[in-house]
Amino acid sequence: MAITIRTTERYRRHPVWGKIISEFNIAEIQDLIFQCTDSELIAAKNAGTKDIPIYCLEAAEYDTDSEFYPENFFTKYEWINKVNAAAFFKSKLLFLTHKHHDHILFKLYNVVIEGNEVVLKQVAIFKDEAMFISWWKSIKKLSQTKRTVEAALRQANTIFDGILEKYGTAWGGNIDGFFLSDNRNSVVAILEVRQSSNSIVESYDPAKYFLGTATKSGDFKTWLPLIYLKRAYKIPLILVTLSTKDTSKLGYTEVSSINDKNLSYVNDIAPTRNVTNRFAVFKTWASKLINQ
């Protein structure tokens, strides 16, 4: 079987991420496309309104028709979580696929749960790159936030990013995870995970890099959709920090807001002030926050 899911998240190999997945109901969606311009998203964020249409998207490649079965891509539990999270944001979960050596470039499906089964309902086909790019640009209007060179690793894994970068656009921003309620029917918090390979958790604070560095652009546009969702849907935004230098520890905090110059935390508590190697400590804190 040769199935490749479109993903760029290295932290998913971190033991703490596995622990979060096992201890909480988490929905992961690789792409939330906000159908608006940058200025429209900023205005909606400031107003705290739910005015922005959202497309929730997953993508994968496969070889043969025999492989095209929903649970070959994600478990039923993962599909249900994704569909429920999308519904919470008044969106459908879309699944973009590429079959190797097919005369059709991409097929697009709406993912629905019927009874206890995951059903993929085809809603569009894109015979060639021109058709696909025309559709993509009709829904993705936020400006590109990453330079083309930064997509090299993504392009090496699946076809999707390579085609998008070829036409001067890019994949939308992924949301690392959504905490779901006990019945998995609603989103109760947003999860953002940041991982460093250079710093230990005790000194790694994403706010320090908010304005960028000599080699990395600033983070305003990557945080903007998260803050919009937090304010519009009135749910907490939890930040978890990890390091490859110590896979037993995590830092954590609740994000408050952003402006042009700063990323702010609730009560000014940076993740460097909440570092632990005892997952139960984080679990107690997060559970209290999302259930209040």
Protein backbone atom coordinates (compact mmCIF):
# COMPACT_ATOMS: atom_id res chain seq x y z
CA MET A 1 0.00 0.00 0.00
CA ALA A 2 1.37 3.42 -0.97
CA ILE A 3 -0.71 6.11 0.71
CA THR A 4 0.78 9.47 1.62
CA ILE A 5 -1.09 11.99 3.74
CA ARG A 6 -0.28 15.63 3.11
CA THR A 7 1.27 16.90 6.35
CA THR A 8 4.23 19.05 7.39
CA GLU A 9 4.13 18.66 11.15
CA ARG A 10 7.39 17.27 12.50
CA TYR A 11 6.24 17.53 16.13
CA ARG A 12 3.85 14.63 15.55
CA ARG A 13 6.84 12.38 16.18
CA HIS A 14 7.32 13.91 19.63
CA PRO A 15 6.22 11.65 22.53
CA VAL A 16 4.28 14.49 24.16
CA TRP A 17 2.09 14.82 21.06
CA GLY A 18 1.23 11.14 21.30
CA LYS A 19 0.30 11.65 24.93
CA ILE A 20 -2.00 14.59 24.09
CA ILE A 21 -3.74 12.50 21.43
CA SER A 22 -4.24 9.61 23.82
CA GLU A 23 -5.47 11.67 26.78
CA PHE A 24 -7.81 14.15 25.04
CA ASN A 25 -10.38 14.11 22.25
CA ILE A 26 -8.35 15.91 19.58
CA ALA A 27 -9.38 16.81 16.05
CA GLU A 28 -6.57 17.52 13.60
CA ILE A 29 -7.27 19.34 10.34
CA GLN A 30 -4.36 20.01 8.00
CA ASP A 31 -5.85 23.06 6.31
CA LEU A 32 -8.35 25.70 7.32
CA ILE A 33 -8.79 28.04 4.38
CA PHE A 34 -10.30 31.37 5.38
CA GLN A 35 -12.17 32.80 2.39
CA CYS A 36 -11.20 36.41 2.92
CA THR A 37 -8.40 38.91 2.48
CA ASP A 38 -5.88 39.73 5.17
CA SER A 39 -7.63 43.00 6.02
CA GLU A 40 -11.01 41.27 6.25
CA LEU A 41 -9.64 38.67 8.67
CA ILE A 42 -8.02 41.38 10.81
CA ALA A 43 -11.30 43.29 10.93
CA ALA A 44 -13.24 40.16 11.88
CA LYS A 45 -10.66 39.32 14.53
CA ASN A 46 -10.95 42.79 16.03
CA ALA A 47 -14.74 42.67 15.99
CA GLY A 48 -14.96 39.08 17.22
CA THR A 49 -17.51 38.19 14.55
CA LYS A 50 -18.09 34.87 12.74
CA ASP A 51 -18.28 36.46 9.30
CA ILE A 52 -15.50 34.51 7.56
CA PRO A 53 -16.37 31.38 5.54
CA ILE A 54 -14.01 28.51 6.34
CA TYR A 55 -13.01 25.51 4.24
CA CYS A 56 -11.65 22.51 6.16
CA LEU A 57 -9.40 20.35 4.02
CA GLU A 58 -7.35 17.16 4.13
CA ALA A 59 -5.36 15.74 1.23
CA ALA A 60 -3.70 12.45 0.32
CA GLU A 61 -2.14 10.49 -2.52
CA TYR A 62 -2.70 6.81 -3.30
CA ASP A 63 -1.82 4.25 -5.94
CA THR A 64 -4.79 2.02 -6.73
CA ASP A 65 -8.58 1.95 -6.45
CA SER A 66 -8.35 -0.87 -3.93
CA GLU A 67 -6.61 1.52 -1.55
CA PHE A 68 -9.37 4.10 -1.76
CA TYR A 69 -11.16 3.32 1.46
CA PRO A 70 -11.72 6.01 4.16
CA GLU A 71 -10.07 4.13 6.98
CA ASN A 72 -6.94 3.54 4.93
CA PHE A 73 -6.30 7.29 5.26
CA PHE A 74 -7.48 7.98 8.82
CA THR A 75 -9.14 5.91 11.51
CA LYS A 76 -12.89 6.20 11.92
CA TYR A 77 -12.27 8.00 15.22
CA GLU A 78 -10.05 10.56 13.47
CA TRP A 79 -12.57 11.10 10.65
CA ILE A 80 -15.43 11.66 13.10
CA ASN A 81 -13.40 14.16 15.08
CA LYS A 82 -12.44 16.06 11.93
CA VAL A 83 -16.03 16.17 10.63
CA ASN A 84 -17.37 17.35 14.00
CA ALA A 85 -14.74 20.08 14.31
CA ALA A 86 -15.52 21.31 10.80
CA ALA A 87 -19.25 21.38 11.60
CA PHE A 88 -18.57 23.44 14.72
CA PHE A 89 -17.11 26.13 12.46
CA LYS A 90 -20.10 25.87 10.08
CA SER A 91 -17.95 24.12 7.51
CA LYS A 92 -17.78 20.81 5.70
CA LEU A 93 -14.74 18.57 5.76
CA LEU A 94 -13.29 18.27 2.27
CA PHE A 95 -10.84 15.60 1.13
CA LEU A 96 -8.58 16.28 -1.86
CA THR A 97 -7.04 13.20 -3.47
CA HIS A 98 -4.53 12.34 -6.16
CA LYS A 99 -4.35 8.87 -7.67
CA HIS A 100 -0.99 8.13 -9.25
CA HIS A 101 -1.05 7.68 -13.05
CA ASP A 102 -4.70 8.79 -13.29
CA HIS A 103 -5.88 10.98 -16.17
CA ILE A 104 -7.63 13.20 -13.61
CA LEU A 105 -5.29 15.30 -11.51
CA PHE A 106 -7.36 15.68 -8.33
CA LYS A 107 -10.73 14.62 -6.99
CA LEU A 108 -12.53 16.44 -4.21
CA TYR A 109 -14.84 14.73 -1.73
CA ASN A 110 -17.17 15.86 1.02
CA VAL A 111 -16.64 13.67 4.09
CA VAL A 112 -19.83 12.78 5.95
CA ILE A 113 -20.78 10.41 8.73
CA GLU A 114 -23.81 8.30 7.86
CA GLY A 115 -24.90 6.11 10.72
CA ASN A 116 -21.59 4.88 12.03
CA GLU A 117 -19.82 4.90 8.68
CA VAL A 118 -17.48 7.37 7.02
CA VAL A 119 -18.66 8.18 3.50
CA LEU A 120 -16.71 10.07 0.84
CA LYS A 121 -19.01 11.89 -1.58
CA GLN A 122 -17.36 13.26 -4.70
CA VAL A 123 -18.17 16.93 -5.27
CA ALA A 124 -15.64 18.01 -7.91
CA ILE A 125 -12.85 16.87 -10.20
CA PHE A 126 -9.89 18.87 -11.40
CA LYS A 127 -8.65 17.43 -14.67
CA ASP A 128 -5.55 19.56 -14.81
CA GLU A 129 -3.54 22.15 -12.93
CA ALA A 130 -5.38 25.11 -14.45
CA MET A 131 -8.76 23.87 -13.20
CA PHE A 132 -7.40 23.21 -9.73
CA ILE A 133 -5.58 26.54 -9.39
CA SER A 134 -8.65 28.44 -10.56
CA TRP A 135 -10.71 26.82 -7.80
CA TRP A 136 -7.98 27.25 -5.20
CA LYS A 137 -7.56 30.95 -5.86
CA SER A 138 -11.32 31.42 -5.65
CA ILE A 139 -11.32 30.27 -2.02
CA LYS A 140 -7.82 31.12 -0.73
CA LYS A 141 -7.40 34.89 -0.67
CA LEU A 142 -5.08 35.37 2.28
CA SER A 143 -1.60 36.39 1.17
CA GLN A 144 1.17 33.78 1.13
CA THR A 145 3.03 33.77 4.44
CA LYS A 146 5.99 31.53 3.61
CA ARG A 147 8.68 31.88 1.00
CA THR A 148 8.77 29.27 -1.75
CA VAL A 149 12.09 27.88 -0.53
CA GLU A 150 10.48 26.93 2.77
CA ALA A 151 8.16 24.54 0.93
CA ALA A 152 10.91 22.27 -0.39
CA LEU A 153 10.38 19.55 2.21
CA ARG A 154 6.62 19.62 1.68
CA GLN A 155 6.99 19.35 -2.08
CA ALA A 156 9.15 16.29 -1.67
CA ASN A 157 6.38 14.45 0.18
CA THR A 158 3.22 15.01 -1.89
CA ILE A 159 2.16 16.59 -5.18
CA PHE A 160 -0.10 19.26 -3.68
CA ASP A 161 2.37 21.87 -2.45
CA GLY A 162 4.56 21.61 -5.52
CA ILE A 163 1.68 22.57 -7.81
CA LEU A 164 0.50 25.38 -5.55
CA GLU A 165 3.99 26.89 -5.29
CA LYS A 166 4.41 26.58 -9.05
CA TYR A 167 1.52 29.03 -9.50
CA GLY A 168 2.60 31.47 -6.82
CA THR A 169 0.20 30.40 -4.12
CA ALA A 170 0.47 28.12 -1.10
CA TRP A 171 -1.34 25.71 1.14
CA GLY A 172 -3.47 27.40 3.76
CA GLY A 173 -2.65 27.50 7.43
CA ASN A 174 -3.13 24.30 9.34
CA ILE A 175 -4.50 24.20 12.87
CA ASP A 176 -2.50 21.80 15.00
CA GLY A 177 -5.51 20.55 16.92
CA PHE A 178 -8.89 21.20 18.44
CA PHE A 179 -9.89 19.92 21.85
CA LEU A 180 -13.37 18.41 21.58
CA SER A 181 -16.02 18.03 24.26
CA ASP A 182 -16.60 14.68 25.93
CA ASN A 183 -19.27 13.81 23.36
CA ARG A 184 -16.94 15.04 20.59
CA ASN A 185 -19.69 17.25 19.14
CA SER A 186 -18.18 20.67 19.82
CA VAL A 187 -14.80 22.38 19.96
CA VAL A 188 -13.86 23.54 23.45
CA ALA A 189 -10.32 24.85 22.80
CA ILE A 190 -7.75 25.43 20.07
CA LEU A 191 -4.32 23.82 20.30
CA GLU A 192 -1.17 25.38 18.87
CA VAL A 193 2.06 23.37 19.16
CA ARG A 194 5.48 24.94 18.61
CA GLN A 195 8.62 22.84 18.58
CA SER A 196 12.25 23.96 18.73
CA SER A 197 15.31 22.02 17.71
CA ASN A 198 17.66 24.73 18.96
CA SER A 199 16.35 25.66 22.41
CA ILE A 200 15.37 23.72 25.48
CA VAL A 201 11.75 24.05 26.61
CA GLU A 202 12.75 26.17 29.61
CA SER A 203 13.99 28.94 27.32
CA TYR A 204 11.73 28.53 24.28
CA ASP A 205 9.11 31.30 24.07
CA PRO A 206 7.44 31.85 20.65
CA ALA A 207 6.70 35.46 21.63
CA LYS A 208 10.42 36.19 21.33
CA TYR A 209 10.28 35.33 17.64
CA PHE A 210 6.98 37.07 16.87
CA LEU A 211 8.61 39.86 14.88
CA GLY A 212 10.88 37.44 13.06
CA THR A 213 14.63 37.02 12.85
CA ALA A 214 17.32 37.61 10.25
CA THR A 215 16.41 34.31 8.59
CA LYS A 216 12.70 33.92 9.43
CA SER A 217 9.70 36.14 8.73
CA GLY A 218 7.44 37.32 11.53
CA ASP A 219 4.56 35.29 12.93
CA PHE A 220 1.66 37.78 12.88
CA LYS A 221 -0.07 36.08 9.95
CA THR A 222 0.37 32.59 11.39
CA TRP A 223 -1.25 33.62 14.68
CA LEU A 224 -3.99 35.75 13.08
CA PRO A 225 -6.36 32.88 12.13
CA LEU A 226 -5.93 31.33 15.58
CA ILE A 227 -6.79 34.56 17.37
CA TYR A 228 -9.74 35.06 15.02
CA LEU A 229 -11.14 31.63 15.93
CA LYS A 230 -10.50 32.23 19.63
CA ARG A 231 -12.37 35.53 19.66
CA ALA A 232 -15.16 34.72 17.21
CA TYR A 233 -16.06 31.38 18.80
CA LYS A 234 -15.14 32.36 22.36
CA ILE A 235 -12.87 29.39 23.05
CA PRO A 236 -9.42 29.33 24.69
CA LEU A 237 -6.25 29.07 22.65
CA ILE A 238 -3.73 26.73 24.30
CA LEU A 239 -0.06 26.90 23.37
CA VAL A 240 2.19 23.89 23.96
CA THR A 241 5.95 24.20 23.43
CA LEU A 242 8.23 21.25 22.79
CA SER A 243 11.92 20.68 22.17
CA THR A 244 13.79 17.91 20.42
CA LYS A 245 16.49 18.34 23.06
CA ASP A 246 14.28 16.85 25.80
CA THR A 247 11.31 14.78 24.67
CA SER A 248 9.91 14.34 28.18
CA LYS A 249 9.05 18.00 28.84
CA LEU A 250 6.50 20.51 27.62
CA GLY A 251 5.74 24.14 28.25
CA TYR A 252 2.19 25.42 28.22
CA THR A 253 0.08 28.56 28.53
CA GLU A 254 -3.08 30.25 27.25
CA VAL A 255 -2.67 32.80 24.47
CA SER A 256 -4.48 36.08 24.95
CA SER A 257 -4.05 38.25 21.85
CA ILE A 258 -1.78 39.67 19.17
CA ASN A 259 -1.07 43.08 17.71
CA ASP A 260 1.49 44.25 15.17
CA LYS A 261 4.30 43.96 17.66
CA ASN A 262 3.43 41.38 20.31
CA LEU A 263 2.05 37.95 21.11
CA SER A 264 0.43 38.15 24.55
CA TYR A 265 -0.39 35.46 27.09
CA VAL A 266 -3.16 35.37 29.67
CA ASN A 267 -1.88 36.91 32.93
CA ASP A 268 1.47 37.43 31.14
CA ILE A 269 2.42 33.82 31.86
CA ALA A 270 4.84 32.66 29.18
CA PRO A 271 5.20 28.91 28.48
CA THR A 272 8.71 29.10 29.94
CA ARG A 273 7.06 29.63 33.33
CA ASN A 274 4.97 26.47 32.98
CA VAL A 275 7.43 23.69 32.17
CA THR A 276 6.92 20.15 33.37
CA ASN A 277 7.87 16.56 32.62
CA ARG A 278 4.72 15.36 34.38
CA PHE A 279 1.98 15.17 31.78
CA ALA A 280 -0.66 14.88 34.51
CA VAL A 281 0.14 18.46 35.55
CA PHE A 282 -0.62 19.75 32.06
CA LYS A 283 -3.69 17.54 31.76
CA THR A 284 -5.17 18.93 34.99
CA TRP A 285 -4.49 22.51 33.90
CA ALA A 286 -5.91 22.03 30.38
CA SER A 287 -8.97 20.11 31.59
CA LYS A 288 -9.82 22.87 34.03
CA LEU A 289 -9.44 25.53 31.35
CA ILE A 290 -11.57 23.81 28.70
CA ASN A 291 -14.30 22.80 31.16
CA GLN A 292 -14.73 26.15 32.91
